Amino acid sequence: MPGTVLGFFMIVVGIPVLAGIGYAAFERWLKHKEKMANALASQTAEKAAQYAAHTDRLEQRVRVLERIVTDKGIDLSDEIERLRDQPLN
């Protein structure tokens, strides 16, 4: 008889208590995962913005270099031709 009372007590009280504790732990773990995902998303967005700004700076530098090359291209070509025409010493 004492074994059946203990078994009944474990079924009626023990299983719901353990299930409640397990559910609370699962909820806490789920909230933690959500916070981590949000942190990762904001970090990723920040990195993307930094890469976009860096790309813009590089594109501006390339435009300046292209302008220098195209503006000086004719003078550079003439200078190369003059150097070709000079006799070697």
PDB file of N, CA and C in Angstrom:
ATOM      1  N   MET A   1       0.807  -1.211   0.000  1.00  0.00           N
ATOM      2  CA  MET A   1       0.000   0.000   0.000  1.00  0.00           C
ATOM      3  C   MET A   1       0.846   1.270   0.000  1.00  0.00           C
ATOM      4  N   PRO A   2       1.927   1.342   0.829  1.00  0.00           N
ATOM      5  CA  PRO A   2       2.733   2.556   0.805  1.00  0.00           C
ATOM      6  C   PRO A   2       3.381   2.793  -0.549  1.00  0.00           C
ATOM      7  N   GLY A   3       3.696   1.744  -1.283  1.00  0.00           N
ATOM      8  CA  GLY A   3       4.294   1.901  -2.610  1.00  0.00           C
ATOM      9  C   GLY A   3       3.322   2.501  -3.601  1.00  0.00           C
ATOM     10  N   THR A   4       2.062   2.150  -3.489  1.00  0.00           N
ATOM     11  CA  THR A   4       1.080   2.708  -4.416  1.00  0.00           C
ATOM     12  C   THR A   4       0.772   4.152  -4.104  1.00  0.00           C
ATOM     13  N   VAL A   5       0.807   4.520  -2.821  1.00  0.00           N
ATOM     14  CA  VAL A   5       0.589   5.917  -2.445  1.00  0.00           C
ATOM     15  C   VAL A   5       1.744   6.770  -2.970  1.00  0.00           C
ATOM     16  N   LEU A   6       2.954   6.264  -2.798  1.00  0.00           N
ATOM     17  CA  LEU A   6       4.131   6.990  -3.293  1.00  0.00           C
ATOM     18  C   LEU A   6       4.091   7.097  -4.814  1.00  0.00           C
ATOM     19  N   GLY A   7       3.709   6.026  -5.493  1.00  0.00           N
ATOM     20  CA  GLY A   7       3.598   6.067  -6.950  1.00  0.00           C
ATOM     21  C   GLY A   7       2.518   7.043  -7.402  1.00  0.00           C
ATOM     22  N   PHE A   8       1.394   7.020  -6.697  1.00  0.00           N
ATOM     23  CA  PHE A   8       0.310   7.952  -7.019  1.00  0.00           C
ATOM     24  C   PHE A   8       0.762   9.393  -6.798  1.00  0.00           C
ATOM     25  N   PHE A   9       1.462   9.628  -5.682  1.00  0.00           N
ATOM     26  CA  PHE A   9       1.974  10.960  -5.384  1.00  0.00           C
ATOM     27  C   PHE A   9       2.950  11.423  -6.469  1.00  0.00           C
ATOM     28  N   MET A  10       3.820  10.544  -6.926  1.00  0.00           N
ATOM     29  CA  MET A  10       4.787  10.890  -7.984  1.00  0.00           C
ATOM     30  C   MET A  10       4.081  11.225  -9.280  1.00  0.00           C
ATOM     31  N   ILE A  11       3.025  10.483  -9.589  1.00  0.00           N
ATOM     32  CA  ILE A  11       2.297  10.749 -10.824  1.00  0.00           C
ATOM     33  C   ILE A  11       1.514  12.059 -10.726  1.00  0.00           C
ATOM     34  N   VAL A  12       0.837  12.267  -9.639  1.00  0.00           N
ATOM     35  CA  VAL A  12      -0.036  13.432  -9.498  1.00  0.00           C
ATOM     36  C   VAL A  12       0.759  14.708  -9.244  1.00  0.00           C
ATOM     37  N   VAL A  13       1.809  14.633  -8.475  1.00  0.00           N
ATOM     38  CA  VAL A  13       2.556  15.837  -8.096  1.00  0.00           C
ATOM     39  C   VAL A  13       3.892  15.930  -8.840  1.00  0.00           C
ATOM     40  N   GLY A  14       4.648  14.874  -8.857  1.00  0.00           N
ATOM     41  CA  GLY A  14       6.010  14.909  -9.390  1.00  0.00           C
ATOM     42  C   GLY A  14       6.081  15.219 -10.869  1.00  0.00           C
ATOM     43  N   ILE A  15       5.292  14.550 -11.675  1.00  0.00           N
ATOM     44  CA  ILE A  15       5.355  14.763 -13.126  1.00  0.00           C
ATOM     45  C   ILE A  15       4.943  16.187 -13.505  1.00  0.00           C
ATOM     46  N   PRO A  16       3.837  16.739 -12.961  1.00  0.00           N
ATOM     47  CA  PRO A  16       3.507  18.129 -13.304  1.00  0.00           C
ATOM     48  C   PRO A  16       4.558  19.135 -12.839  1.00  0.00           C
ATOM     49  N   VAL A  17       5.164  18.894 -11.683  1.00  0.00           N
ATOM     50  CA  VAL A  17       6.205  19.811 -11.198  1.00  0.00           C
ATOM     51  C   VAL A  17       7.412  19.765 -12.134  1.00  0.00           C
ATOM     52  N   LEU A  18       7.841  18.570 -12.472  1.00  0.00           N
ATOM     53  CA  LEU A  18       8.984  18.436 -13.390  1.00  0.00           C
ATOM     54  C   LEU A  18       8.662  19.026 -14.764  1.00  0.00           C
ATOM     55  N   ALA A  19       7.431  18.814 -15.229  1.00  0.00           N
ATOM     56  CA  ALA A  19       7.035  19.385 -16.519  1.00  0.00           C
ATOM     57  C   ALA A  19       7.039  20.909 -16.454  1.00  0.00           C
ATOM     58  N   GLY A  20       6.576  21.476 -15.357  1.00  0.00           N
ATOM     59  CA  GLY A  20       6.585  22.938 -15.188  1.00  0.00           C
ATOM     60  C   GLY A  20       7.989  23.503 -15.162  1.00  0.00           C
ATOM     61  N   ILE A  21       8.874  22.827 -14.436  1.00  0.00           N
ATOM     62  CA  ILE A  21      10.276  23.276 -14.382  1.00  0.00           C
ATOM     63  C   ILE A  21      10.910  23.174 -15.769  1.00  0.00           C
ATOM     64  N   GLY A  22      10.640  22.077 -16.460  1.00  0.00           N
ATOM     65  CA  GLY A  22      11.180  21.908 -17.816  1.00  0.00           C
ATOM     66  C   GLY A  22      10.659  22.962 -18.773  1.00  0.00           C
ATOM     67  N   TYR A  23       9.374  23.288 -18.657  1.00  0.00           N
ATOM     68  CA  TYR A  23       8.786  24.314 -19.524  1.00  0.00           C
ATOM     69  C   TYR A  23       9.392  25.685 -19.238  1.00  0.00           C
ATOM     70  N   ALA A  24       9.594  26.008 -17.971  1.00  0.00           N
ATOM     71  CA  ALA A  24      10.197  27.294 -17.601  1.00  0.00           C
ATOM     72  C   ALA A  24      11.623  27.387 -18.150  1.00  0.00           C
ATOM     73  N   ALA A  25      12.360  26.292 -18.048  1.00  0.00           N
ATOM     74  CA  ALA A  25      13.731  26.286 -18.579  1.00  0.00           C
ATOM     75  C   ALA A  25      13.709  26.451 -20.096  1.00  0.00           C
ATOM     76  N   PHE A  26      12.772  25.797 -20.753  1.00  0.00           N
ATOM     77  CA  PHE A  26      12.663  25.921 -22.209  1.00  0.00           C
ATOM     78  C   PHE A  26      12.313  27.346 -22.612  1.00  0.00           C
ATOM     79  N   GLU A  27      11.397  27.990 -21.878  1.00  0.00           N
ATOM     80  CA  GLU A  27      11.044  29.385 -22.178  1.00  0.00           C
ATOM     81  C   GLU A  27      12.250  30.301 -22.013  1.00  0.00           C
ATOM     82  N   ARG A  28      13.013  30.094 -20.952  1.00  0.00           N
ATOM     83  CA  ARG A  28      14.208  30.923 -20.718  1.00  0.00           C
ATOM     84  C   ARG A  28      15.219  30.724 -21.854  1.00  0.00           C
ATOM     85  N   TRP A  29      15.412  29.476 -22.269  1.00  0.00           N
ATOM     86  CA  TRP A  29      16.340  29.179 -23.362  1.00  0.00           C
ATOM     87  C   TRP A  29      15.859  29.834 -24.654  1.00  0.00           C
ATOM     88  N   LEU A  30      14.548  29.780 -24.895  1.00  0.00           N
ATOM     89  CA  LEU A  30      13.977  30.371 -26.105  1.00  0.00           C
ATOM     90  C   LEU A  30      14.158  31.889 -26.112  1.00  0.00           C
ATOM     91  N   LYS A  31      13.951  32.552 -24.983  1.00  0.00           N
ATOM     92  CA  LYS A  31      14.166  34.001 -24.888  1.00  0.00           C
ATOM     93  C   LYS A  31      15.627  34.348 -25.125  1.00  0.00           C
ATOM     94  N   HIS A  32      16.501  33.527 -24.576  1.00  0.00           N
ATOM     95  CA  HIS A  32      17.935  33.759 -24.790  1.00  0.00           C
ATOM     96  C   HIS A  32      18.292  33.646 -26.276  1.00  0.00           C
ATOM     97  N   LYS A  33      17.767  32.632 -26.940  1.00  0.00           N
ATOM     98  CA  LYS A  33      18.039  32.463 -28.373  1.00  0.00           C
ATOM     99  C   LYS A  33      17.498  33.645 -29.173  1.00  0.00           C
ATOM    100  N   GLU A  34      16.334  34.151 -28.785  1.00  0.00           N
ATOM    101  CA  GLU A  34      15.749  35.301 -29.478  1.00  0.00           C
ATOM    102  C   GLU A  34      16.619  36.540 -29.298  1.00  0.00           C
ATOM    103  N   LYS A  35      17.115  36.765 -28.069  1.00  0.00           N
ATOM    104  CA  LYS A  35      18.004  37.903 -27.830  1.00  0.00           C
ATOM    105  C   LYS A  35      19.288  37.779 -28.645  1.00  0.00           C
ATOM    106  N   MET A  36      19.822  36.573 -28.718  1.00  0.00           N
ATOM    107  CA  MET A  36      21.045  36.355 -29.492  1.00  0.00           C
ATOM    108  C   MET A  36      20.801  36.605 -30.975  1.00  0.00           C
ATOM    109  N   ALA A  37      19.656  36.176 -31.477  1.00  0.00           N
ATOM    110  CA  ALA A  37      19.327  36.395 -32.887  1.00  0.00           C
ATOM    111  C   ALA A  37      19.168  37.882 -33.178  1.00  0.00           C
ATOM    112  N   ASN A  38      18.530  38.615 -32.269  1.00  0.00           N
ATOM    113  CA  ASN A  38      18.364  40.065 -32.455  1.00  0.00           C
ATOM    114  C   ASN A  38      19.717  40.774 -32.424  1.00  0.00           C
ATOM    115  N   ALA A  39      20.580  40.360 -31.505  1.00  0.00           N
ATOM    116  CA  ALA A  39      21.912  40.962 -31.429  1.00  0.00           C
ATOM    117  C   ALA A  39      22.697  40.693 -32.707  1.00  0.00           C
ATOM    118  N   LEU A  40      22.612  39.478 -33.196  1.00  0.00           N
ATOM    119  CA  LEU A  40      23.317  39.126 -34.427  1.00  0.00           C
ATOM    120  C   LEU A  40      22.771  39.898 -35.619  1.00  0.00           C
ATOM    121  N   ALA A  41      21.457  40.081 -35.661  1.00  0.00           N
ATOM    122  CA  ALA A  41      20.851  40.826 -36.769  1.00  0.00           C
ATOM    123  C   ALA A  41      21.290  42.289 -36.746  1.00  0.00           C
ATOM    124  N   SER A  42      21.317  42.910 -35.568  1.00  0.00           N
ATOM    125  CA  SER A  42      21.742  44.306 -35.502  1.00  0.00           C
ATOM    126  C   SER A  42      23.223  44.441 -35.829  1.00  0.00           C
ATOM    127  N   GLN A  43      24.014  43.458 -35.399  1.00  0.00           N
ATOM    128  CA  GLN A  43      25.441  43.474 -35.713  1.00  0.00           C
ATOM    129  C   GLN A  43      25.662  43.320 -37.217  1.00  0.00           C
ATOM    130  N   THR A  44      24.888  42.458 -37.838  1.00  0.00           N
ATOM    131  CA  THR A  44      25.001  42.243 -39.277  1.00  0.00           C
ATOM    132  C   THR A  44      24.601  43.500 -40.038  1.00  0.00           C
ATOM    133  N   ALA A  45      23.539  44.162 -39.593  1.00  0.00           N
ATOM    134  CA  ALA A  45      23.105  45.395 -40.253  1.00  0.00           C
ATOM    135  C   ALA A  45      24.174  46.479 -40.119  1.00  0.00           C
ATOM    136  N   GLU A  46      24.801  46.550 -38.961  1.00  0.00           N
ATOM    137  CA  GLU A  46      25.855  47.548 -38.755  1.00  0.00           C
ATOM    138  C   GLU A  46      27.052  47.266 -39.661  1.00  0.00           C
ATOM    139  N   LYS A  47      27.437  46.002 -39.763  1.00  0.00           N
ATOM    140  CA  LYS A  47      28.553  45.638 -40.649  1.00  0.00           C
ATOM    141  C   LYS A  47      28.214  45.956 -42.107  1.00  0.00           C
ATOM    142  N   ALA A  48      26.984  45.684 -42.507  1.00  0.00           N
ATOM    143  CA  ALA A  48      26.575  45.971 -43.884  1.00  0.00           C
ATOM    144  C   ALA A  48      26.664  47.467 -44.164  1.00  0.00           C
ATOM    145  N   ALA A  49      26.258  48.280 -43.205  1.00  0.00           N
ATOM    146  CA  ALA A  49      26.349  49.735 -43.381  1.00  0.00           C
ATOM    147  C   ALA A  49      27.812  50.181 -43.477  1.00  0.00           C
ATOM    148  N   GLN A  50      28.670  49.575 -42.663  1.00  0.00           N
ATOM    149  CA  GLN A  50      30.094  49.918 -42.730  1.00  0.00           C
ATOM    150  C   GLN A  50      30.686  49.528 -44.085  1.00  0.00           C
ATOM    151  N   TYR A  51      30.327  48.342 -44.579  1.00  0.00           N
ATOM    152  CA  TYR A  51      30.836  47.907 -45.882  1.00  0.00           C
ATOM    153  C   TYR A  51      30.321  48.804 -46.996  1.00  0.00           C
ATOM    154  N   ALA A  52      29.069  49.246 -46.899  1.00  0.00           N
ATOM    155  CA  ALA A  52      28.509  50.132 -47.917  1.00  0.00           C
ATOM    156  C   ALA A  52      29.248  51.466 -47.911  1.00  0.00           C
ATOM    157  N   ALA A  53      29.524  52.002 -46.737  1.00  0.00           N
ATOM    158  CA  ALA A  53      30.257  53.267 -46.644  1.00  0.00           C
ATOM    159  C   ALA A  53      31.670  53.107 -47.202  1.00  0.00           C
ATOM    160  N   HIS A  54      32.309  51.995 -46.887  1.00  0.00           N
ATOM    161  CA  HIS A  54      33.659  51.743 -47.391  1.00  0.00           C
ATOM    162  C   HIS A  54      33.641  51.609 -48.913  1.00  0.00           C
ATOM    163  N   THR A  55      32.651  50.937 -49.438  1.00  0.00           N
ATOM    164  CA  THR A  55      32.518  50.787 -50.888  1.00  0.00           C
ATOM    165  C   THR A  55      32.311  52.140 -51.552  1.00  0.00           C
ATOM    166  N   ASP A  56      31.504  52.997 -50.943  1.00  0.00           N
ATOM    167  CA  ASP A  56      31.299  54.343 -51.491  1.00  0.00           C
ATOM    168  C   ASP A  56      32.607  55.125 -51.530  1.00  0.00           C
ATOM    169  N   ARG A  57      33.387  55.031 -50.448  1.00  0.00           N
ATOM    170  CA  ARG A  57      34.677  55.735 -50.425  1.00  0.00           C
ATOM    171  C   ARG A  57      35.607  55.207 -51.517  1.00  0.00           C
ATOM    172  N   LEU A  58      35.634  53.895 -51.694  1.00  0.00           N
ATOM    173  CA  LEU A  58      36.485  53.322 -52.736  1.00  0.00           C
ATOM    174  C   LEU A  58      36.025  53.744 -54.128  1.00  0.00           C
ATOM    175  N   GLU A  59      34.713  53.782 -54.341  1.00  0.00           N
ATOM    176  CA  GLU A  59      34.192  54.217 -55.639  1.00  0.00           C
ATOM    177  C   GLU A  59      34.562  55.665 -55.910  1.00  0.00           C
ATOM    178  N   GLN A  60      34.511  56.516 -54.898  1.00  0.00           N
ATOM    179  CA  GLN A  60      34.909  57.913 -55.078  1.00  0.00           C
ATOM    180  C   GLN A  60      36.387  58.013 -55.441  1.00  0.00           C
ATOM    181  N   ARG A  61      37.207  57.214 -54.795  1.00  0.00           N
ATOM    182  CA  ARG A  61      38.636  57.238 -55.099  1.00  0.00           C
ATOM    183  C   ARG A  61      38.899  56.761 -56.528  1.00  0.00           C
ATOM    184  N   VAL A  62      38.184  55.738 -56.959  1.00  0.00           N
ATOM    185  CA  VAL A  62      38.346  55.237 -58.322  1.00  0.00           C
ATOM    186  C   VAL A  62      37.918  56.307 -59.328  1.00  0.00           C
ATOM    187  N   ARG A  63      36.827  57.014 -59.028  1.00  0.00           N
ATOM    188  CA  ARG A  63      36.401  58.102 -59.932  1.00  0.00           C
ATOM    189  C   ARG A  63      37.479  59.171 -60.060  1.00  0.00           C
ATOM    190  N   VAL A  64      38.107  59.517 -58.929  1.00  0.00           N
ATOM    191  CA  VAL A  64      39.180  60.519 -58.967  1.00  0.00           C
ATOM    192  C   VAL A  64      40.334  60.007 -59.806  1.00  0.00           C
ATOM    193  N   LEU A  65      40.710  58.751 -59.610  1.00  0.00           N
ATOM    194  CA  LEU A  65      41.808  58.181 -60.401  1.00  0.00           C
ATOM    195  C   LEU A  65      41.458  58.127 -61.882  1.00  0.00           C
ATOM    196  N   GLU A  66      40.232  57.764 -62.187  1.00  0.00           N
ATOM    197  CA  GLU A  66      39.811  57.748 -63.600  1.00  0.00           C
ATOM    198  C   GLU A  66      39.887  59.146 -64.205  1.00  0.00           C
ATOM    199  N   ARG A  67      39.458  60.130 -63.432  1.00  0.00           N
ATOM    200  CA  ARG A  67      39.506  61.500 -63.937  1.00  0.00           C
ATOM    201  C   ARG A  67      40.955  61.933 -64.157  1.00  0.00           C
ATOM    202  N   ILE A  68      41.844  61.575 -63.221  1.00  0.00           N
ATOM    203  CA  ILE A  68      43.258  61.934 -63.383  1.00  0.00           C
ATOM    204  C   ILE A  68      43.830  61.265 -64.625  1.00  0.00           C
ATOM    205  N   VAL A  69      43.527  60.002 -64.804  1.00  0.00           N
ATOM    206  CA  VAL A  69      44.068  59.264 -65.950  1.00  0.00           C
ATOM    207  C   VAL A  69      43.515  59.820 -67.248  1.00  0.00           C
ATOM    208  N   THR A  70      42.237  60.097 -67.304  1.00  0.00           N
ATOM    209  CA  THR A  70      41.668  60.582 -68.565  1.00  0.00           C
ATOM    210  C   THR A  70      42.080  62.016 -68.847  1.00  0.00           C
ATOM    211  N   ASP A  71      42.211  62.847 -67.811  1.00  0.00           N
ATOM    212  CA  ASP A  71      42.635  64.226 -68.043  1.00  0.00           C
ATOM    213  C   ASP A  71      44.096  64.288 -68.456  1.00  0.00           C
ATOM    214  N   LYS A  72      44.914  63.446 -67.881  1.00  0.00           N
ATOM    215  CA  LYS A  72      46.341  63.468 -68.161  1.00  0.00           C
ATOM    216  C   LYS A  72      46.717  62.472 -69.252  1.00  0.00           C
ATOM    217  N   GLY A  73      45.759  61.731 -69.747  1.00  0.00           N
ATOM    218  CA  GLY A  73      46.054  60.678 -70.704  1.00  0.00           C
ATOM    219  C   GLY A  73      46.725  61.180 -71.966  1.00  0.00           C
ATOM    220  N   ILE A  74      46.250  62.280 -72.497  1.00  0.00           N
ATOM    221  CA  ILE A  74      46.822  62.818 -73.736  1.00  0.00           C
ATOM    222  C   ILE A  74      48.230  63.329 -73.474  1.00  0.00           C
ATOM    223  N   ASP A  75      48.421  64.055 -72.365  1.00  0.00           N
ATOM    224  CA  ASP A  75      49.755  64.557 -72.034  1.00  0.00           C
ATOM    225  C   ASP A  75      50.715  63.399 -71.785  1.00  0.00           C
ATOM    226  N   LEU A  76      50.244  62.386 -71.126  1.00  0.00           N
ATOM    227  CA  LEU A  76      51.088  61.227 -70.849  1.00  0.00           C
ATOM    228  C   LEU A  76      51.477  60.525 -72.140  1.00  0.00           C
ATOM    229  N   SER A  77      50.555  60.387 -73.047  1.00  0.00           N
ATOM    230  CA  SER A  77      50.838  59.757 -74.327  1.00  0.00           C
ATOM    231  C   SER A  77      51.881  60.564 -75.103  1.00  0.00           C
ATOM    232  N   ASP A  78      51.727  61.881 -75.122  1.00  0.00           N
ATOM    233  CA  ASP A  78      52.708  62.740 -75.802  1.00  0.00           C
ATOM    234  C   ASP A  78      54.085  62.625 -75.157  1.00  0.00           C
ATOM    235  N   GLU A  79      54.107  62.563 -73.833  1.00  0.00           N
ATOM    236  CA  GLU A  79      55.381  62.460 -73.136  1.00  0.00           C
ATOM    237  C   GLU A  79      56.062  61.121 -73.441  1.00  0.00           C
ATOM    238  N   ILE A  80      55.295  60.052 -73.513  1.00  0.00           N
ATOM    239  CA  ILE A  80      55.862  58.746 -73.859  1.00  0.00           C
ATOM    240  C   ILE A  80      56.439  58.786 -75.269  1.00  0.00           C
ATOM    241  N   GLU A  81      55.725  59.402 -76.190  1.00  0.00           N
ATOM    242  CA  GLU A  81      56.222  59.505 -77.566  1.00  0.00           C
ATOM    243  C   GLU A  81      57.506  60.323 -77.621  1.00  0.00           C
ATOM    244  N   ARG A  82      57.583  61.412 -76.850  1.00  0.00           N
ATOM    245  CA  ARG A  82      58.807  62.232 -76.829  1.00  0.00           C
ATOM    246  C   ARG A  82      59.982  61.411 -76.292  1.00  0.00           C
ATOM    247  N   LEU A  83      59.724  60.610 -75.252  1.00  0.00           N
ATOM    248  CA  LEU A  83      60.797  59.792 -74.696  1.00  0.00           C
ATOM    249  C   LEU A  83      61.255  58.726 -75.688  1.00  0.00           C
ATOM    250  N   ARG A  84      60.348  58.231 -76.499  1.00  0.00           N
ATOM    251  CA  ARG A  84      60.724  57.239 -77.515  1.00  0.00           C
ATOM    252  C   ARG A  84      61.624  57.874 -78.578  1.00  0.00           C
ATOM    253  N   ASP A  85      61.336  59.114 -78.899  1.00  0.00           N
ATOM    254  CA  ASP A  85      62.074  59.795 -79.962  1.00  0.00           C
ATOM    255  C   ASP A  85      63.464  60.242 -79.499  1.00  0.00           C
ATOM    256  N   GLN A  86      63.694  60.322 -78.205  1.00  0.00           N
ATOM    257  CA  GLN A  86      65.000  60.770 -77.735  1.00  0.00           C
ATOM    258  C   GLN A  86      66.044  59.683 -77.983  1.00  0.00           C
ATOM    259  N   PRO A  87      67.208  60.095 -78.386  1.00  0.00           N
ATOM    260  CA  PRO A  87      68.277  59.099 -78.607  1.00  0.00           C
ATOM    261  C   PRO A  87      68.788  58.557 -77.272  1.00  0.00           C
ATOM    262  N   LEU A  88      69.216  57.319 -77.281  1.00  0.00           N
ATOM    263  CA  LEU A  88      69.762  56.706 -76.072  1.00  0.00           C
ATOM    264  C   LEU A  88      71.196  57.147 -75.913  1.00  0.00           C
ATOM    265  N   ASN A  89      71.630  57.433 -74.729  1.00  0.00           N
ATOM    266  CA  ASN A  89      73.020  57.857 -74.475  1.00  0.00           C
ATOM    267  C   ASN A  89      73.904  56.706 -74.164  1.00  0.00           C
TER     268      ASN A  89
END
